[in-house]
Amino acid sequence: MIEAVLNHSAILGVLAASFFGGLGLGLRFRVLILLPTVIACILVICAVGIAFRIGLWSGVIAIALNALGLQTGYLVGACISFALRPGGNGAIGKAAPPTFLSFFERGAPLRRMDRPSDNS
């Protein structure tokens, strides 16, 4: 059964598309973007599987390959982004006011709790 699924060119197309999608996400966003992306892809694959009456195991393999492609592509994109950062921090100029998407963007700083100093 697995051999029949892996022979389909559609599965390789899903794997390639998810890899390049993950690559683009890795170049631009932080790792938190993977969770909503994987959930959206699972929903799309389930809908397509129901529409085309794909078997359960074929759908599970497609979901697993999609998640693998997204995460591998994200890792490659994040490594490329890290290697191309000037000065090692990636921050250029002043920070913009925070928006919802800035929580996921790579260049936006995370808010941290300042520790009290020992200068008493």
PDB file of N, CA and C in Angstrom:
ATOM      1  N   MET A   1       0.820  -1.194   0.000  1.00  0.00           N
ATOM      2  CA  MET A   1       0.000   0.000   0.000  1.00  0.00           C
ATOM      3  C   MET A   1       0.867   1.262   0.000  1.00  0.00           C
ATOM      4  N   ILE A   2       1.930   1.257   0.807  1.00  0.00           N
ATOM      5  CA  ILE A   2       2.788   2.435   0.883  1.00  0.00           C
ATOM      6  C   ILE A   2       3.489   2.678  -0.443  1.00  0.00           C
ATOM      7  N   GLU A   3       3.900   1.601  -1.127  1.00  0.00           N
ATOM      8  CA  GLU A   3       4.561   1.765  -2.419  1.00  0.00           C
ATOM      9  C   GLU A   3       3.633   2.425  -3.431  1.00  0.00           C
ATOM     10  N   ALA A   4       2.346   2.089  -3.382  1.00  0.00           N
ATOM     11  CA  ALA A   4       1.386   2.688  -4.313  1.00  0.00           C
ATOM     12  C   ALA A   4       1.214   4.175  -4.038  1.00  0.00           C
ATOM     13  N   VAL A   5       1.275   4.556  -2.761  1.00  0.00           N
ATOM     14  CA  VAL A   5       1.131   5.965  -2.417  1.00  0.00           C
ATOM     15  C   VAL A   5       2.358   6.748  -2.840  1.00  0.00           C
ATOM     16  N   LEU A   6       3.542   6.187  -2.594  1.00  0.00           N
ATOM     17  CA  LEU A   6       4.771   6.912  -2.912  1.00  0.00           C
ATOM     18  C   LEU A   6       5.020   7.014  -4.403  1.00  0.00           C
ATOM     19  N   ASN A   7       4.380   6.165  -5.205  1.00  0.00           N
ATOM     20  CA  ASN A   7       4.556   6.242  -6.647  1.00  0.00           C
ATOM     21  C   ASN A   7       3.771   7.386  -7.274  1.00  0.00           C
ATOM     22  N   HIS A   8       2.842   7.951  -6.574  1.00  0.00           N
ATOM     23  CA  HIS A   8       2.035   9.019  -7.149  1.00  0.00           C
ATOM     24  C   HIS A   8       2.853  10.301  -7.227  1.00  0.00           C
ATOM     25  N   SER A   9       2.823  10.923  -8.372  1.00  0.00           N
ATOM     26  CA  SER A   9       3.557  12.169  -8.531  1.00  0.00           C
ATOM     27  C   SER A   9       2.910  13.299  -7.743  1.00  0.00           C
ATOM     28  N   ALA A  10       1.650  13.162  -7.393  1.00  0.00           N
ATOM     29  CA  ALA A  10       0.973  14.188  -6.599  1.00  0.00           C
ATOM     30  C   ALA A  10       1.597  14.293  -5.213  1.00  0.00           C
ATOM     31  N   ILE A  11       1.994  13.169  -4.641  1.00  0.00           N
ATOM     32  CA  ILE A  11       2.621  13.187  -3.325  1.00  0.00           C
ATOM     33  C   ILE A  11       3.965  13.902  -3.399  1.00  0.00           C
ATOM     34  N   LEU A  12       4.726  13.655  -4.445  1.00  0.00           N
ATOM     35  CA  LEU A  12       6.003  14.357  -4.607  1.00  0.00           C
ATOM     36  C   LEU A  12       5.774  15.841  -4.841  1.00  0.00           C
ATOM     37  N   GLY A  13       4.698  16.171  -5.521  1.00  0.00           N
ATOM     38  CA  GLY A  13       4.358  17.582  -5.706  1.00  0.00           C
ATOM     39  C   GLY A  13       4.003  18.255  -4.395  1.00  0.00           C
ATOM     40  N   VAL A  14       3.261  17.551  -3.534  1.00  0.00           N
ATOM     41  CA  VAL A  14       2.932  18.084  -2.213  1.00  0.00           C
ATOM     42  C   VAL A  14       4.196  18.282  -1.397  1.00  0.00           C
ATOM     43  N   LEU A  15       5.108  17.315  -1.462  1.00  0.00           N
ATOM     44  CA  LEU A  15       6.357  17.402  -0.715  1.00  0.00           C
ATOM     45  C   LEU A  15       7.201  18.580  -1.199  1.00  0.00           C
ATOM     46  N   ALA A  16       7.312  18.755  -2.511  1.00  0.00           N
ATOM     47  CA  ALA A  16       8.102  19.859  -3.054  1.00  0.00           C
ATOM     48  C   ALA A  16       7.460  21.207  -2.730  1.00  0.00           C
ATOM     49  N   ALA A  17       6.151  21.297  -2.868  1.00  0.00           N
ATOM     50  CA  ALA A  17       5.468  22.562  -2.564  1.00  0.00           C
ATOM     51  C   ALA A  17       5.589  22.915  -1.093  1.00  0.00           C
ATOM     52  N   SER A  18       5.463  21.919  -0.223  1.00  0.00           N
ATOM     53  CA  SER A  18       5.582  22.211   1.208  1.00  0.00           C
ATOM     54  C   SER A  18       7.011  22.571   1.573  1.00  0.00           C
ATOM     55  N   PHE A  19       8.005  21.964   0.916  1.00  0.00           N
ATOM     56  CA  PHE A  19       9.399  22.320   1.184  1.00  0.00           C
ATOM     57  C   PHE A  19       9.661  23.768   0.808  1.00  0.00           C
ATOM     58  N   PHE A  20       9.248  24.166  -0.386  1.00  0.00           N
ATOM     59  CA  PHE A  20       9.501  25.542  -0.812  1.00  0.00           C
ATOM     60  C   PHE A  20       8.657  26.544  -0.030  1.00  0.00           C
ATOM     61  N   GLY A  21       7.466  26.138   0.389  1.00  0.00           N
ATOM     62  CA  GLY A  21       6.674  26.988   1.282  1.00  0.00           C
ATOM     63  C   GLY A  21       7.369  27.178   2.617  1.00  0.00           C
ATOM     64  N   GLY A  22       7.899  26.093   3.177  1.00  0.00           N
ATOM     65  CA  GLY A  22       8.659  26.183   4.425  1.00  0.00           C
ATOM     66  C   GLY A  22       9.922  26.996   4.266  1.00  0.00           C
ATOM     67  N   LEU A  23      10.564  26.891   3.112  1.00  0.00           N
ATOM     68  CA  LEU A  23      11.758  27.689   2.837  1.00  0.00           C
ATOM     69  C   LEU A  23      11.437  29.178   2.871  1.00  0.00           C
ATOM     70  N   GLY A  24      10.337  29.554   2.245  1.00  0.00           N
ATOM     71  CA  GLY A  24       9.920  30.956   2.275  1.00  0.00           C
ATOM     72  C   GLY A  24       9.560  31.424   3.679  1.00  0.00           C
ATOM     73  N   LEU A  25       8.888  30.566   4.434  1.00  0.00           N
ATOM     74  CA  LEU A  25       8.550  30.924   5.814  1.00  0.00           C
ATOM     75  C   LEU A  25       9.796  31.045   6.674  1.00  0.00           C
ATOM     76  N   GLY A  26      10.773  30.182   6.439  1.00  0.00           N
ATOM     77  CA  GLY A  26      12.004  30.227   7.218  1.00  0.00           C
ATOM     78  C   GLY A  26      12.824  31.467   6.957  1.00  0.00           C
ATOM     79  N   LEU A  27      12.724  32.005   5.759  1.00  0.00           N
ATOM     80  CA  LEU A  27      13.456  33.232   5.442  1.00  0.00           C
ATOM     81  C   LEU A  27      12.832  34.454   6.087  1.00  0.00           C
ATOM     82  N   ARG A  28      11.551  34.408   6.391  1.00  0.00           N
ATOM     83  CA  ARG A  28      10.853  35.608   6.835  1.00  0.00           C
ATOM     84  C   ARG A  28      10.353  35.559   8.276  1.00  0.00           C
ATOM     85  N   PHE A  29       9.851  34.411   8.732  1.00  0.00           N
ATOM     86  CA  PHE A  29       9.151  34.347  10.007  1.00  0.00           C
ATOM     87  C   PHE A  29       9.900  33.511  11.036  1.00  0.00           C
ATOM     88  N   ARG A  30       9.448  33.631  12.290  1.00  0.00           N
ATOM     89  CA  ARG A  30       9.969  32.806  13.371  1.00  0.00           C
ATOM     90  C   ARG A  30       9.307  31.443  13.351  1.00  0.00           C
ATOM     91  N   VAL A  31       9.777  30.575  14.215  1.00  0.00           N
ATOM     92  CA  VAL A  31       9.320  29.190  14.218  1.00  0.00           C
ATOM     93  C   VAL A  31       7.844  29.064  14.605  1.00  0.00           C
ATOM     94  N   LEU A  32       7.285  30.059  15.284  1.00  0.00           N
ATOM     95  CA  LEU A  32       5.885  29.988  15.703  1.00  0.00           C
ATOM     96  C   LEU A  32       4.916  29.955  14.528  1.00  0.00           C
ATOM     97  N   ILE A  33       5.359  30.348  13.359  1.00  0.00           N
ATOM     98  CA  ILE A  33       4.483  30.349  12.189  1.00  0.00           C
ATOM     99  C   ILE A  33       4.206  28.929  11.693  1.00  0.00           C
ATOM    100  N   LEU A  34       5.032  27.967  12.103  1.00  0.00           N
ATOM    101  CA  LEU A  34       4.850  26.595  11.621  1.00  0.00           C
ATOM    102  C   LEU A  34       3.569  25.956  12.138  1.00  0.00           C
ATOM    103  N   LEU A  35       3.187  26.235  13.359  1.00  0.00           N
ATOM    104  CA  LEU A  35       1.999  25.592  13.923  1.00  0.00           C
ATOM    105  C   LEU A  35       0.727  25.955  13.150  1.00  0.00           C
ATOM    106  N   PRO A  36       0.408  27.245  12.940  1.00  0.00           N
ATOM    107  CA  PRO A  36      -0.811  27.520  12.150  1.00  0.00           C
ATOM    108  C   PRO A  36      -0.697  27.066  10.700  1.00  0.00           C
ATOM    109  N   THR A  37       0.521  27.066  10.158  1.00  0.00           N
ATOM    110  CA  THR A  37       0.699  26.613   8.777  1.00  0.00           C
ATOM    111  C   THR A  37       0.452  25.118   8.656  1.00  0.00           C
ATOM    112  N   VAL A  38       0.984  24.341   9.584  1.00  0.00           N
ATOM    113  CA  VAL A  38       0.773  22.893   9.549  1.00  0.00           C
ATOM    114  C   VAL A  38      -0.707  22.566   9.764  1.00  0.00           C
ATOM    115  N   ILE A  39      -1.360  23.278  10.672  1.00  0.00           N
ATOM    116  CA  ILE A  39      -2.786  23.038  10.910  1.00  0.00           C
ATOM    117  C   ILE A  39      -3.608  23.364   9.658  1.00  0.00           C
ATOM    118  N   ALA A  40      -3.288  24.475   8.998  1.00  0.00           N
ATOM    119  CA  ALA A  40      -4.002  24.832   7.770  1.00  0.00           C
ATOM    120  C   ALA A  40      -3.765  23.791   6.675  1.00  0.00           C
ATOM    121  N   CYS A  41      -2.549  23.302   6.562  1.00  0.00           N
ATOM    122  CA  CYS A  41      -2.258  22.281   5.553  1.00  0.00           C
ATOM    123  C   CYS A  41      -2.966  20.968   5.853  1.00  0.00           C
ATOM    124  N   ILE A  42      -3.058  20.609   7.134  1.00  0.00           N
ATOM    125  CA  ILE A  42      -3.784  19.395   7.505  1.00  0.00           C
ATOM    126  C   ILE A  42      -5.248  19.521   7.102  1.00  0.00           C
ATOM    127  N   LEU A  43      -5.843  20.684   7.349  1.00  0.00           N
ATOM    128  CA  LEU A  43      -7.245  20.886   6.971  1.00  0.00           C
ATOM    129  C   LEU A  43      -7.436  20.809   5.459  1.00  0.00           C
ATOM    130  N   VAL A  44      -6.506  21.402   4.707  1.00  0.00           N
ATOM    131  CA  VAL A  44      -6.615  21.372   3.248  1.00  0.00           C
ATOM    132  C   VAL A  44      -6.454  19.950   2.726  1.00  0.00           C
ATOM    133  N   ILE A  45      -5.487  19.218   3.254  1.00  0.00           N
ATOM    134  CA  ILE A  45      -5.259  17.843   2.797  1.00  0.00           C
ATOM    135  C   ILE A  45      -6.456  16.961   3.153  1.00  0.00           C
ATOM    136  N   CYS A  46      -7.034  17.166   4.329  1.00  0.00           N
ATOM    137  CA  CYS A  46      -8.233  16.398   4.697  1.00  0.00           C
ATOM    138  C   CYS A  46      -9.395  16.719   3.759  1.00  0.00           C
ATOM    139  N   ALA A  47      -9.587  17.977   3.431  1.00  0.00           N
ATOM    140  CA  ALA A  47     -10.674  18.359   2.529  1.00  0.00           C
ATOM    141  C   ALA A  47     -10.471  17.766   1.136  1.00  0.00           C
ATOM    142  N   VAL A  48      -9.242  17.827   0.636  1.00  0.00           N
ATOM    143  CA  VAL A  48      -8.955  17.249  -0.680  1.00  0.00           C
ATOM    144  C   VAL A  48      -9.113  15.732  -0.632  1.00  0.00           C
ATOM    145  N   GLY A  49      -8.674  15.119   0.463  1.00  0.00           N
ATOM    146  CA  GLY A  49      -8.807  13.669   0.606  1.00  0.00           C
ATOM    147  C   GLY A  49     -10.253  13.215   0.621  1.00  0.00           C
ATOM    148  N   ILE A  50     -11.098  13.991   1.280  1.00  0.00           N
ATOM    149  CA  ILE A  50     -12.524  13.655   1.305  1.00  0.00           C
ATOM    150  C   ILE A  50     -13.149  13.873  -0.068  1.00  0.00           C
ATOM    151  N   ALA A  51     -12.770  14.952  -0.729  1.00  0.00           N
ATOM    152  CA  ALA A  51     -13.353  15.266  -2.038  1.00  0.00           C
ATOM    153  C   ALA A  51     -12.988  14.214  -3.086  1.00  0.00           C
ATOM    154  N   PHE A  52     -11.737  13.731  -3.032  1.00  0.00           N
ATOM    155  CA  PHE A  52     -11.290  12.758  -4.028  1.00  0.00           C
ATOM    156  C   PHE A  52     -11.340  11.324  -3.520  1.00  0.00           C
ATOM    157  N   ARG A  53     -11.915  11.118  -2.344  1.00  0.00           N
ATOM    158  CA  ARG A  53     -12.088   9.797  -1.745  1.00  0.00           C
ATOM    159  C   ARG A  53     -10.765   9.032  -1.650  1.00  0.00           C
ATOM    160  N   ILE A  54      -9.766   9.727  -1.128  1.00  0.00           N
ATOM    161  CA  ILE A  54      -8.462   9.107  -0.893  1.00  0.00           C
ATOM    162  C   ILE A  54      -8.580   8.285   0.387  1.00  0.00           C
ATOM    163  N   GLY A  55      -7.892   7.169   0.452  1.00  0.00           N
ATOM    164  CA  GLY A  55      -7.945   6.307   1.625  1.00  0.00           C
ATOM    165  C   GLY A  55      -7.326   6.970   2.845  1.00  0.00           C
ATOM    166  N   LEU A  56      -7.610   6.404   3.998  1.00  0.00           N
ATOM    167  CA  LEU A  56      -7.139   6.964   5.261  1.00  0.00           C
ATOM    168  C   LEU A  56      -5.619   6.993   5.327  1.00  0.00           C
ATOM    169  N   TRP A  57      -4.965   5.871   4.995  1.00  0.00           N
ATOM    170  CA  TRP A  57      -3.513   5.829   5.112  1.00  0.00           C
ATOM    171  C   TRP A  57      -2.834   6.715   4.080  1.00  0.00           C
ATOM    172  N   SER A  58      -3.398   6.863   2.929  1.00  0.00           N
ATOM    173  CA  SER A  58      -2.836   7.782   1.933  1.00  0.00           C
ATOM    174  C   SER A  58      -2.898   9.219   2.446  1.00  0.00           C
ATOM    175  N   GLY A  59      -3.994   9.556   3.096  1.00  0.00           N
ATOM    176  CA  GLY A  59      -4.117  10.893   3.678  1.00  0.00           C
ATOM    177  C   GLY A  59      -3.144  11.121   4.812  1.00  0.00           C
ATOM    178  N   VAL A  60      -2.956  10.113   5.642  1.00  0.00           N
ATOM    179  CA  VAL A  60      -2.011  10.232   6.765  1.00  0.00           C
ATOM    180  C   VAL A  60      -0.587  10.401   6.235  1.00  0.00           C
ATOM    181  N   ILE A  61      -0.235   9.636   5.211  1.00  0.00           N
ATOM    182  CA  ILE A  61       1.104   9.766   4.627  1.00  0.00           C
ATOM    183  C   ILE A  61       1.270  11.133   3.984  1.00  0.00           C
ATOM    184  N   ALA A  62       0.241  11.639   3.308  1.00  0.00           N
ATOM    185  CA  ALA A  62       0.320  12.974   2.706  1.00  0.00           C
ATOM    186  C   ALA A  62       0.495  14.039   3.775  1.00  0.00           C
ATOM    187  N   ILE A  63      -0.204  13.932   4.900  1.00  0.00           N
ATOM    188  CA  ILE A  63      -0.064  14.892   5.989  1.00  0.00           C
ATOM    189  C   ILE A  63       1.334  14.822   6.582  1.00  0.00           C
ATOM    190  N   ALA A  64       1.841  13.604   6.792  1.00  0.00           N
ATOM    191  CA  ALA A  64       3.184  13.447   7.358  1.00  0.00           C
ATOM    192  C   ALA A  64       4.253  14.009   6.425  1.00  0.00           C
ATOM    193  N   LEU A  65       4.132  13.737   5.133  1.00  0.00           N
ATOM    194  CA  LEU A  65       5.111  14.282   4.178  1.00  0.00           C
ATOM    195  C   LEU A  65       5.012  15.794   4.086  1.00  0.00           C
ATOM    196  N   ASN A  66       3.801  16.325   4.186  1.00  0.00           N
ATOM    197  CA  ASN A  66       3.629  17.767   4.155  1.00  0.00           C
ATOM    198  C   ASN A  66       4.293  18.419   5.365  1.00  0.00           C
ATOM    199  N   ALA A  67       4.071  17.873   6.543  1.00  0.00           N
ATOM    200  CA  ALA A  67       4.691  18.420   7.749  1.00  0.00           C
ATOM    201  C   ALA A  67       6.208  18.292   7.676  1.00  0.00           C
ATOM    202  N   LEU A  68       6.694  17.159   7.164  1.00  0.00           N
ATOM    203  CA  LEU A  68       8.134  16.973   7.003  1.00  0.00           C
ATOM    204  C   LEU A  68       8.717  18.000   6.036  1.00  0.00           C
ATOM    205  N   GLY A  69       8.046  18.213   4.914  1.00  0.00           N
ATOM    206  CA  GLY A  69       8.527  19.187   3.940  1.00  0.00           C
ATOM    207  C   GLY A  69       8.526  20.605   4.482  1.00  0.00           C
ATOM    208  N   LEU A  70       7.454  20.982   5.183  1.00  0.00           N
ATOM    209  CA  LEU A  70       7.390  22.327   5.765  1.00  0.00           C
ATOM    210  C   LEU A  70       8.503  22.556   6.779  1.00  0.00           C
ATOM    211  N   GLN A  71       8.709  21.599   7.661  1.00  0.00           N
ATOM    212  CA  GLN A  71       9.704  21.781   8.704  1.00  0.00           C
ATOM    213  C   GLN A  71      11.127  21.725   8.163  1.00  0.00           C
ATOM    214  N   THR A  72      11.377  20.859   7.189  1.00  0.00           N
ATOM    215  CA  THR A  72      12.699  20.806   6.572  1.00  0.00           C
ATOM    216  C   THR A  72      12.980  22.090   5.796  1.00  0.00           C
ATOM    217  N   GLY A  73      12.003  22.547   5.039  1.00  0.00           N
ATOM    218  CA  GLY A  73      12.158  23.803   4.311  1.00  0.00           C
ATOM    219  C   GLY A  73      12.349  24.975   5.248  1.00  0.00           C
ATOM    220  N   TYR A  74      11.612  24.995   6.364  1.00  0.00           N
ATOM    221  CA  TYR A  74      11.779  26.066   7.337  1.00  0.00           C
ATOM    222  C   TYR A  74      13.187  26.054   7.916  1.00  0.00           C
ATOM    223  N   LEU A  75      13.699  24.871   8.233  1.00  0.00           N
ATOM    224  CA  LEU A  75      15.051  24.770   8.787  1.00  0.00           C
ATOM    225  C   LEU A  75      16.090  25.283   7.805  1.00  0.00           C
ATOM    226  N   VAL A  76      15.970  24.914   6.542  1.00  0.00           N
ATOM    227  CA  VAL A  76      16.907  25.395   5.518  1.00  0.00           C
ATOM    228  C   VAL A  76      16.783  26.910   5.355  1.00  0.00           C
ATOM    229  N   GLY A  77      15.547  27.424   5.314  1.00  0.00           N
ATOM    230  CA  GLY A  77      15.349  28.872   5.179  1.00  0.00           C
ATOM    231  C   GLY A  77      15.865  29.642   6.375  1.00  0.00           C
ATOM    232  N   ALA A  78      15.673  29.112   7.576  1.00  0.00           N
ATOM    233  CA  ALA A  78      16.176  29.791   8.771  1.00  0.00           C
ATOM    234  C   ALA A  78      17.695  29.797   8.793  1.00  0.00           C
ATOM    235  N   CYS A  79      18.327  28.708   8.346  1.00  0.00           N
ATOM    236  CA  CYS A  79      19.795  28.675   8.271  1.00  0.00           C
ATOM    237  C   CYS A  79      20.309  29.681   7.248  1.00  0.00           C
ATOM    238  N   ILE A  80      19.639  29.787   6.114  1.00  0.00           N
ATOM    239  CA  ILE A  80      20.037  30.777   5.101  1.00  0.00           C
ATOM    240  C   ILE A  80      19.854  32.180   5.653  1.00  0.00           C
ATOM    241  N   SER A  81      18.736  32.431   6.313  1.00  0.00           N
ATOM    242  CA  SER A  81      18.475  33.750   6.894  1.00  0.00           C
ATOM    243  C   SER A  81      19.514  34.096   7.950  1.00  0.00           C
ATOM    244  N   PHE A  82      19.876  33.130   8.782  1.00  0.00           N
ATOM    245  CA  PHE A  82      20.877  33.365   9.813  1.00  0.00           C
ATOM    246  C   PHE A  82      22.239  33.646   9.200  1.00  0.00           C
ATOM    247  N   ALA A  83      22.584  32.934   8.132  1.00  0.00           N
ATOM    248  CA  ALA A  83      23.882  33.125   7.491  1.00  0.00           C
ATOM    249  C   ALA A  83      23.980  34.472   6.790  1.00  0.00           C
ATOM    250  N   LEU A  84      22.864  35.004   6.318  1.00  0.00           N
ATOM    251  CA  LEU A  84      22.885  36.258   5.566  1.00  0.00           C
ATOM    252  C   LEU A  84      22.663  37.492   6.432  1.00  0.00           C
ATOM    253  N   ARG A  85      22.437  37.318   7.728  1.00  0.00           N
ATOM    254  CA  ARG A  85      22.189  38.467   8.603  1.00  0.00           C
ATOM    255  C   ARG A  85      23.426  39.322   8.753  1.00  0.00           C
ATOM    256  N   PRO A  86      23.308  40.633   8.555  1.00  0.00           N
ATOM    257  CA  PRO A  86      24.465  41.505   8.781  1.00  0.00           C
ATOM    258  C   PRO A  86      24.679  41.720  10.275  1.00  0.00           C
ATOM    259  N   GLY A  87      25.891  41.553  10.738  1.00  0.00           N
ATOM    260  CA  GLY A  87      26.213  41.812  12.132  1.00  0.00           C
ATOM    261  C   GLY A  87      25.703  40.764  13.091  1.00  0.00           C
ATOM    262  N   GLY A  88      25.030  39.752  12.617  1.00  0.00           N
ATOM    263  CA  GLY A  88      24.583  38.675  13.467  1.00  0.00           C
ATOM    264  C   GLY A  88      23.273  38.903  14.181  1.00  0.00           C
ATOM    265  N   ASN A  89      22.680  40.126  14.123  1.00  0.00           N
ATOM    266  CA  ASN A  89      21.434  40.315  14.858  1.00  0.00           C
ATOM    267  C   ASN A  89      20.240  40.534  13.959  1.00  0.00           C
ATOM    268  N   GLY A  90      20.432  40.910  12.729  1.00  0.00           N
ATOM    269  CA  GLY A  90      19.330  41.048  11.798  1.00  0.00           C
ATOM    270  C   GLY A  90      18.460  42.276  11.992  1.00  0.00           C
ATOM    271  N   ALA A  91      18.681  43.045  13.063  1.00  0.00           N
ATOM    272  CA  ALA A  91      17.877  44.240  13.308  1.00  0.00           C
ATOM    273  C   ALA A  91      18.462  45.404  12.524  1.00  0.00           C
ATOM    274  N   ILE A  92      17.622  46.033  11.720  1.00  0.00           N
ATOM    275  CA  ILE A  92      18.064  47.167  10.916  1.00  0.00           C
ATOM    276  C   ILE A  92      17.246  48.375  11.317  1.00  0.00           C
ATOM    277  N   GLY A  93      17.882  49.408  11.796  1.00  0.00           N
ATOM    278  CA  GLY A  93      17.186  50.643  12.156  1.00  0.00           C
ATOM    279  C   GLY A  93      16.319  50.476  13.386  1.00  0.00           C
ATOM    280  N   LYS A  94      15.339  51.386  13.527  1.00  0.00           N
ATOM    281  CA  LYS A  94      14.437  51.355  14.677  1.00  0.00           C
ATOM    282  C   LYS A  94      13.364  50.288  14.499  1.00  0.00           C
ATOM    283  N   ALA A  95      12.884  49.803  15.610  1.00  0.00           N
ATOM    284  CA  ALA A  95      11.809  48.813  15.571  1.00  0.00           C
ATOM    285  C   ALA A  95      10.474  49.520  15.338  1.00  0.00           C
ATOM    286  N   ALA A  96       9.651  48.927  14.505  1.00  0.00           N
ATOM    287  CA  ALA A  96       8.321  49.470  14.226  1.00  0.00           C
ATOM    288  C   ALA A  96       7.389  49.137  15.383  1.00  0.00           C
ATOM    289  N   PRO A  97       6.284  49.867  15.511  1.00  0.00           N
ATOM    290  CA  PRO A  97       5.314  49.512  16.547  1.00  0.00           C
ATOM    291  C   PRO A  97       4.823  48.089  16.342  1.00  0.00           C
ATOM    292  N   PRO A  98       4.589  47.348  17.414  1.00  0.00           N
ATOM    293  CA  PRO A  98       4.205  45.947  17.262  1.00  0.00           C
ATOM    294  C   PRO A  98       2.818  45.790  16.642  1.00  0.00           C
ATOM    295  N   THR A  99       2.701  44.804  15.782  1.00  0.00           N
ATOM    296  CA  THR A  99       1.418  44.421  15.199  1.00  0.00           C
ATOM    297  C   THR A  99       1.235  42.927  15.450  1.00  0.00           C
ATOM    298  N   PHE A 100       0.112  42.400  15.024  1.00  0.00           N
ATOM    299  CA  PHE A 100      -0.133  40.971  15.215  1.00  0.00           C
ATOM    300  C   PHE A 100       0.899  40.137  14.471  1.00  0.00           C
ATOM    301  N   LEU A 101       1.193  40.509  13.212  1.00  0.00           N
ATOM    302  CA  LEU A 101       2.160  39.739  12.436  1.00  0.00           C
ATOM    303  C   LEU A 101       3.583  39.934  12.918  1.00  0.00           C
ATOM    304  N   SER A 102       3.867  41.030  13.631  1.00  0.00           N
ATOM    305  CA  SER A 102       5.233  41.231  14.111  1.00  0.00           C
ATOM    306  C   SER A 102       5.604  40.205  15.166  1.00  0.00           C
ATOM    307  N   PHE A 103       4.607  39.560  15.766  1.00  0.00           N
ATOM    308  CA  PHE A 103       4.893  38.490  16.716  1.00  0.00           C
ATOM    309  C   PHE A 103       5.557  37.308  16.016  1.00  0.00           C
ATOM    310  N   PHE A 104       5.222  37.097  14.727  1.00  0.00           N
ATOM    311  CA  PHE A 104       5.773  35.986  13.968  1.00  0.00           C
ATOM    312  C   PHE A 104       7.002  36.369  13.161  1.00  0.00           C
ATOM    313  N   GLU A 105       7.251  37.666  12.936  1.00  0.00           N
ATOM    314  CA  GLU A 105       8.346  38.085  12.072  1.00  0.00           C
ATOM    315  C   GLU A 105       9.687  37.862  12.740  1.00  0.00           C
ATOM    316  N   ARG A 106      10.665  37.530  11.928  1.00  0.00           N
ATOM    317  CA  ARG A 106      11.980  37.211  12.433  1.00  0.00           C
ATOM    318  C   ARG A 106      12.706  38.433  12.981  1.00  0.00           C
ATOM    319  N   GLY A 107      12.600  39.577  12.364  1.00  0.00           N
ATOM    320  CA  GLY A 107      13.365  40.744  12.771  1.00  0.00           C
ATOM    321  C   GLY A 107      12.806  41.477  13.982  1.00  0.00           C
ATOM    322  N   ALA A 108      11.570  41.187  14.363  1.00  0.00           N
ATOM    323  CA  ALA A 108      10.944  41.898  15.475  1.00  0.00           C
ATOM    324  C   ALA A 108      11.469  41.360  16.803  1.00  0.00           C
ATOM    325  N   PRO A 109      11.783  42.248  17.729  1.00  0.00           N
ATOM    326  CA  PRO A 109      12.300  41.772  19.016  1.00  0.00           C
ATOM    327  C   PRO A 109      11.184  41.199  19.879  1.00  0.00           C
ATOM    328  N   LEU A 110      11.519  40.203  20.663  1.00  0.00           N
ATOM    329  CA  LEU A 110      10.578  39.651  21.626  1.00  0.00           C
ATOM    330  C   LEU A 110      10.637  40.478  22.892  1.00  0.00           C
ATOM    331  N   ARG A 111       9.512  40.643  23.545  1.00  0.00           N
ATOM    332  CA  ARG A 111       9.506  41.354  24.816  1.00  0.00           C
ATOM    333  C   ARG A 111      10.005  40.422  25.902  1.00  0.00           C
ATOM    334  N   ARG A 112      10.917  40.939  26.729  1.00  0.00           N
ATOM    335  CA  ARG A 112      11.457  40.132  27.800  1.00  0.00           C
ATOM    336  C   ARG A 112      11.264  40.866  29.114  1.00  0.00           C
ATOM    337  N   MET A 113      11.100  40.104  30.152  1.00  0.00           N
ATOM    338  CA  MET A 113      11.009  40.684  31.479  1.00  0.00           C
ATOM    339  C   MET A 113      12.421  41.047  31.936  1.00  0.00           C
ATOM    340  N   ASP A 114      12.610  42.284  32.331  1.00  0.00           N
ATOM    341  CA  ASP A 114      13.923  42.699  32.803  1.00  0.00           C
ATOM    342  C   ASP A 114      14.131  42.184  34.217  1.00  0.00           C
ATOM    343  N   ARG A 115      15.291  41.651  34.432  1.00  0.00           N
ATOM    344  CA  ARG A 115      15.611  41.182  35.773  1.00  0.00           C
ATOM    345  C   ARG A 115      16.030  42.367  36.625  1.00  0.00           C
ATOM    346  N   PRO A 116      15.666  42.348  37.894  1.00  0.00           N
ATOM    347  CA  PRO A 116      16.100  43.457  38.757  1.00  0.00           C
ATOM    348  C   PRO A 116      17.620  43.419  38.908  1.00  0.00           C
ATOM    349  N   SER A 117      18.197  44.578  38.864  1.00  0.00           N
ATOM    350  CA  SER A 117      19.649  44.645  38.967  1.00  0.00           C
ATOM    351  C   SER A 117      20.080  44.538  40.417  1.00  0.00           C
ATOM    352  N   ASP A 118      21.296  44.106  40.619  1.00  0.00           N
ATOM    353  CA  ASP A 118      21.856  43.959  41.953  1.00  0.00           C
ATOM    354  C   ASP A 118      22.618  45.212  42.362  1.00  0.00           C
ATOM    355  N   ASN A 119      22.289  46.360  41.803  1.00  0.00           N
ATOM    356  CA  ASN A 119      23.014  47.605  42.099  1.00  0.00           C
ATOM    357  C   ASN A 119      22.351  48.352  43.239  1.00  0.00           C
ATOM    358  N   SER A 120      22.052  47.701  44.364  1.00  0.00           N
ATOM    359  CA  SER A 120      21.381  48.353  45.494  1.00  0.00           C
ATOM    360  C   SER A 120      22.365  49.033  46.383  1.00  0.00           C
TER     361      SER A 120
END
